[in-house]
């Protein structure tokens, strides 16, 4: 439930167009809706500025469908992350306008028009194999009303590819830098810009990469200042933080 919707109800009561009981009926689900298997937090937009996002992994398609059906009347844009094609098809059955990003494994339903920010978030990957995490981040940023710039496959094995795009890096308000293997790219990017860098380690790499642990530790121990690190493969978490920074 977004602030504009609540203001509309309250103004209708004030102007005598809606009686108090009707308004109460509209507002009764404001804190959350209890579906038994999920408690859908409709208050989150008021509290945090962004609506609740559905983490689809571990949920059945029927549960995801039920959550979406409960969220739709509230008018917010809806985002589901870590969604399978089966999850998407279940949602599509009740909302034909739903969109699926196969690489990022996200489901998007656009109900509210958002004016994109004038400043942008740069989303950068070391390799092509890191793009799924980048797409999760990009879709999240865009669902939250941010302008984004994607810059893929510019890792340190061919550093000239990064330098060719230096203006994109330097003009960003905040940068999300995504890398697997040894996770060196955020340190390089951080040394080139005067903006915050959010580093995302990915689980891409051979055995000693330990499913992203090597990249995570490398990013945490970076000698470049101004870098924050999120969990392995957590494109969503990086995007949420980047959006908050971009809108300060």
Protein backbone atom coordinates (compact mmCIF):
# COMPACT_ATOMS: atom_id res chain seq x y z
CA UNK A 1 0.00 0.00 0.00
CA UNK A 2 1.72 3.16 -1.19
CA UNK A 3 1.51 6.60 0.48
CA UNK A 4 -0.49 8.14 -2.39
CA UNK A 5 -3.19 5.49 -2.03
CA UNK A 6 -3.54 6.13 1.70
CA UNK A 7 -3.68 9.91 1.17
CA UNK A 8 -6.44 9.37 -1.38
CA UNK A 9 -8.51 7.38 1.14
CA UNK A 10 -7.97 9.91 3.94
CA UNK A 11 -8.83 12.86 1.69
CA UNK A 12 -11.99 11.04 0.58
CA UNK A 13 -13.04 10.69 4.23
CA UNK A 14 -12.19 14.35 4.89
CA UNK A 15 -14.29 15.48 1.92
CA UNK A 16 -17.19 13.24 2.91
CA UNK A 17 -16.97 11.08 -0.21
CA UNK A 18 -16.19 7.91 1.76
CA UNK A 19 -17.54 6.96 5.18
CA UNK A 20 -15.28 5.87 8.03
CA UNK A 21 -16.35 2.21 7.92
CA UNK A 22 -15.52 1.93 4.21
CA UNK A 23 -12.15 3.55 4.81
CA UNK A 24 -11.45 1.15 7.66
CA UNK A 25 -12.29 -1.77 5.38
CA UNK A 26 -9.77 -0.44 2.85
CA UNK A 27 -7.07 0.03 5.48
CA UNK A 28 -7.59 -3.13 7.51
CA UNK A 29 -4.87 -5.03 5.66
CA UNK A 30 -2.35 -2.19 5.97
CA UNK A 31 0.02 -3.95 8.40
CA UNK A 32 0.02 -7.35 6.67
CA UNK A 33 -2.15 -10.10 5.22
CA UNK A 34 -1.89 -13.52 6.87
CA UNK A 35 -2.06 -16.23 4.21
CA UNK A 36 -1.06 -18.98 6.62
CA UNK A 37 2.14 -19.85 4.77
CA UNK A 38 3.14 -16.18 4.39
CA UNK A 39 2.45 -12.84 6.05
CA UNK A 40 2.53 -10.28 3.25
CA UNK A 41 3.92 -6.98 4.53
CA UNK A 42 1.83 -4.20 2.95
CA UNK A 43 3.24 -1.63 5.37
CA UNK A 44 6.79 -1.94 4.02
CA UNK A 45 6.43 0.77 1.36
CA UNK A 46 5.49 3.31 4.03
CA UNK A 47 8.18 2.11 6.40
CA UNK A 48 11.10 1.61 4.01
CA UNK A 49 10.21 3.28 0.74
CA UNK A 50 10.04 0.05 -1.28
CA UNK A 51 7.40 -2.71 -1.32
CA UNK A 52 8.12 -6.24 -0.16
CA UNK A 53 9.97 -8.39 -2.70
CA UNK A 54 9.15 -12.08 -3.11
CA UNK A 55 12.11 -14.44 -2.68
CA UNK A 56 10.82 -17.33 -4.79
CA UNK A 57 13.45 -19.99 -4.01
CA UNK A 58 12.04 -22.58 -1.63
CA UNK A 59 8.43 -21.54 -2.24
CA UNK A 60 5.98 -23.55 -4.32
CA UNK A 61 4.52 -22.00 -7.45
CA UNK A 62 1.12 -22.06 -5.77
CA UNK A 63 2.45 -20.13 -2.77
CA UNK A 64 4.07 -17.52 -5.04
CA UNK A 65 0.85 -17.24 -7.01
CA UNK A 66 -1.11 -16.68 -3.79
CA UNK A 67 1.28 -13.98 -2.59
CA UNK A 68 1.13 -12.16 -5.93
CA UNK A 69 -2.67 -12.37 -5.99
CA UNK A 70 -2.73 -10.78 -2.52
CA UNK A 71 -0.30 -8.00 -3.52
CA UNK A 72 -1.89 -7.01 -6.84
CA UNK A 73 -4.81 -4.93 -5.48
CA UNK A 74 -2.42 -2.66 -3.57
CA UNK A 75 -1.09 -1.13 -6.78
CA UNK A 76 2.63 -1.42 -6.19
CA UNK A 77 5.10 -2.82 -8.68
CA UNK A 78 5.83 -6.44 -7.78
CA UNK A 79 9.21 -8.14 -7.99
CA UNK A 80 10.07 -11.80 -7.47
CA UNK A 81 13.68 -12.98 -7.32
CA UNK A 82 15.26 -16.42 -7.81
CA UNK A 83 12.21 -17.51 -9.75
CA UNK A 84 12.02 -20.55 -12.01
CA UNK A 85 10.20 -20.63 -15.34
CA UNK A 86 7.53 -22.76 -13.64
CA UNK A 87 7.11 -20.04 -10.97
CA UNK A 88 6.72 -17.43 -13.71
CA UNK A 89 4.11 -19.44 -15.62
CA UNK A 90 2.02 -19.73 -12.44
CA UNK A 91 2.17 -15.96 -11.97
CA UNK A 92 1.45 -15.33 -15.66
CA UNK A 93 -1.78 -17.29 -15.29
CA UNK A 94 -3.17 -14.69 -12.89
CA UNK A 95 -1.34 -11.64 -14.27
CA UNK A 96 -0.73 -11.70 -18.05
CA UNK A 97 1.41 -8.54 -17.87
CA UNK A 98 4.09 -10.28 -15.77
CA UNK A 99 7.56 -10.33 -17.31
CA UNK A 100 10.37 -12.85 -16.82
CA UNK A 101 14.09 -12.17 -17.02
CA UNK A 102 15.50 -15.62 -17.72
CA UNK A 103 19.12 -14.74 -16.96
CA UNK A 104 18.37 -12.85 -13.76
CA UNK A 105 15.55 -15.26 -12.76
CA UNK A 106 13.24 -12.38 -11.87
CA UNK A 107 9.50 -11.84 -12.25
CA UNK A 108 8.38 -8.23 -12.72
CA UNK A 109 4.86 -6.81 -12.65
CA UNK A 110 4.63 -3.10 -13.41
CA UNK A 111 1.50 -1.44 -12.00
CA UNK A 112 2.79 2.00 -11.02
CA UNK A 113 4.67 4.29 -13.40
CA UNK A 114 7.97 5.45 -11.93
CA UNK A 115 10.02 8.40 -13.08
CA UNK A 116 13.58 7.13 -13.38
CA UNK A 117 16.32 8.92 -11.49
CA UNK A 118 18.48 11.40 -13.39
CA UNK A 119 21.61 9.86 -11.83
CA UNK A 120 22.39 6.25 -12.66
CA UNK A 121 23.72 3.08 -11.11
CA UNK A 122 26.53 1.42 -13.07
CA UNK A 123 26.38 -2.39 -13.00
CA UNK A 124 29.68 -3.94 -14.01
CA UNK A 125 30.75 -7.57 -14.38
CA UNK A 126 34.19 -9.07 -14.65
CA UNK A 127 32.99 -11.84 -16.96
CA UNK A 128 30.05 -13.02 -19.03
CA UNK A 129 29.47 -15.79 -16.48
CA UNK A 130 28.66 -13.12 -13.87
CA UNK A 131 25.78 -11.67 -15.90
CA UNK A 132 22.96 -13.62 -14.16
CA UNK A 133 23.83 -11.90 -10.87
CA UNK A 134 24.12 -8.57 -12.71
CA UNK A 135 20.69 -9.00 -14.30
CA UNK A 136 19.13 -9.68 -10.90
CA UNK A 137 20.70 -6.44 -9.71
CA UNK A 138 19.70 -4.46 -12.81
CA UNK A 139 16.05 -5.57 -12.77
CA UNK A 140 15.83 -4.75 -9.07
CA UNK A 141 17.33 -1.29 -9.59
CA UNK A 142 14.94 -0.56 -12.44
CA UNK A 143 11.92 -1.82 -10.51
CA UNK A 144 12.84 0.66 -7.79
CA UNK A 145 12.93 3.55 -10.26
CA UNK A 146 16.63 3.86 -10.99
CA UNK A 147 18.33 4.58 -14.27
CA UNK A 148 20.99 1.92 -14.88
CA UNK A 149 24.00 1.40 -17.11
CA UNK A 150 25.18 -2.16 -17.79
CA UNK A 151 28.85 -2.81 -18.50
CA UNK A 152 29.64 -6.51 -18.91
CA UNK A 153 32.80 -8.61 -19.36
CA UNK A 154 35.43 -5.99 -18.47
CA UNK A 155 37.51 -8.02 -16.01
CA UNK A 156 41.18 -7.61 -15.19
CA UNK A 157 42.36 -10.25 -17.70
CA UNK A 158 41.77 -7.57 -20.34
CA UNK A 159 41.85 -4.35 -18.35
CA UNK A 160 41.84 -2.18 -21.50
CA UNK A 161 38.15 -3.10 -21.91
CA UNK A 162 37.43 -1.35 -18.62
CA UNK A 163 39.47 1.75 -19.39
CA UNK A 164 37.58 2.19 -22.66
CA UNK A 165 34.42 2.80 -20.56
CA UNK A 166 35.98 5.00 -17.88
CA UNK A 167 33.44 7.83 -18.35
CA UNK A 168 30.54 5.47 -17.57
CA UNK A 169 32.28 4.56 -14.31
CA UNK A 170 33.12 8.09 -13.27
CA UNK A 171 29.69 9.58 -14.04
CA UNK A 172 27.77 6.99 -12.01
CA UNK A 173 26.28 7.91 -8.62
CA UNK A 174 27.08 4.45 -7.25
CA UNK A 175 28.62 1.33 -8.80
CA UNK A 176 27.80 -2.36 -8.38
CA UNK A 177 30.85 -4.43 -9.34
CA UNK A 178 30.34 -8.16 -9.76
CA UNK A 179 33.15 -10.71 -10.03
CA UNK A 180 33.96 -14.36 -9.40
CA UNK A 181 37.32 -16.14 -9.55
CA UNK A 182 39.66 -14.10 -7.30
CA UNK A 183 37.26 -11.12 -7.14
CA UNK A 184 39.81 -8.42 -8.04
CA UNK A 185 37.67 -6.12 -10.19
CA UNK A 186 36.03 -4.05 -7.40
CA UNK A 187 39.48 -3.06 -6.10
CA UNK A 188 40.46 -1.81 -9.56
CA UNK A 189 37.19 0.08 -10.10
CA UNK A 190 37.32 1.53 -6.60
CA UNK A 191 40.76 2.98 -7.37
CA UNK A 192 39.40 4.84 -10.42
CA UNK A 193 36.28 6.56 -9.05
CA UNK A 194 35.18 8.88 -6.24
CA UNK A 195 31.81 7.15 -5.75
CA UNK A 196 30.74 4.26 -3.50
CA UNK A 197 31.39 0.78 -4.86
CA UNK A 198 29.24 -2.19 -3.86
CA UNK A 199 31.14 -5.41 -4.51
CA UNK A 200 29.32 -8.66 -5.25
CA UNK A 201 31.30 -11.92 -5.20
CA UNK A 202 29.90 -14.64 -7.42
CA UNK A 203 30.18 -18.41 -7.18
CA UNK A 204 31.92 -18.52 -10.59
CA UNK A 205 35.36 -20.13 -10.54
CA UNK A 206 37.38 -23.33 -10.33
CA UNK A 207 37.80 -25.48 -7.22
CA UNK A 208 39.97 -23.18 -5.11
CA UNK A 209 37.43 -20.40 -5.64
CA UNK A 210 35.29 -22.38 -3.14
CA UNK A 211 31.98 -21.36 -4.75
CA UNK A 212 32.68 -17.66 -4.30
CA UNK A 213 34.39 -17.71 -0.91
CA UNK A 214 37.76 -16.71 -2.42
CA UNK A 215 36.17 -13.73 -4.17
CA UNK A 216 34.29 -12.77 -1.00
CA UNK A 217 37.45 -12.78 1.12
CA UNK A 218 39.39 -10.91 -1.57
CA UNK A 219 36.75 -8.17 -1.68
CA UNK A 220 36.55 -7.94 2.11
CA UNK A 221 40.32 -7.51 2.33
CA UNK A 222 40.60 -4.99 -0.53
CA UNK A 223 43.15 -2.22 -0.01
CA UNK A 224 40.91 0.22 -1.91
CA UNK A 225 38.78 2.43 0.35
CA UNK A 226 35.10 3.08 -0.26
CA UNK A 227 34.08 -0.51 -1.05
CA UNK A 228 31.24 -2.33 0.68
CA UNK A 229 30.66 -6.06 0.13
CA UNK A 230 27.44 -8.09 0.04
CA UNK A 231 26.99 -11.83 0.16
CA UNK A 232 27.92 -14.28 -2.60
CA UNK A 233 25.63 -13.98 -5.67
CA UNK A 234 23.47 -11.39 -3.88
CA UNK A 235 22.64 -9.10 -6.78
CA UNK A 236 19.36 -8.15 -5.13
CA UNK A 237 21.01 -7.00 -1.90
CA UNK A 238 23.53 -4.92 -3.81
CA UNK A 239 20.78 -3.32 -5.88
CA UNK A 240 18.65 -2.47 -2.85
CA UNK A 241 21.57 -0.67 -1.20
CA UNK A 242 22.59 1.03 -4.46
CA UNK A 243 19.05 2.31 -4.94
CA UNK A 244 19.02 3.83 -1.47
CA UNK A 245 22.34 5.57 -2.16
CA UNK A 246 21.25 6.74 -5.61
CA UNK A 247 18.14 8.40 -4.15
CA UNK A 248 19.81 10.18 -1.23
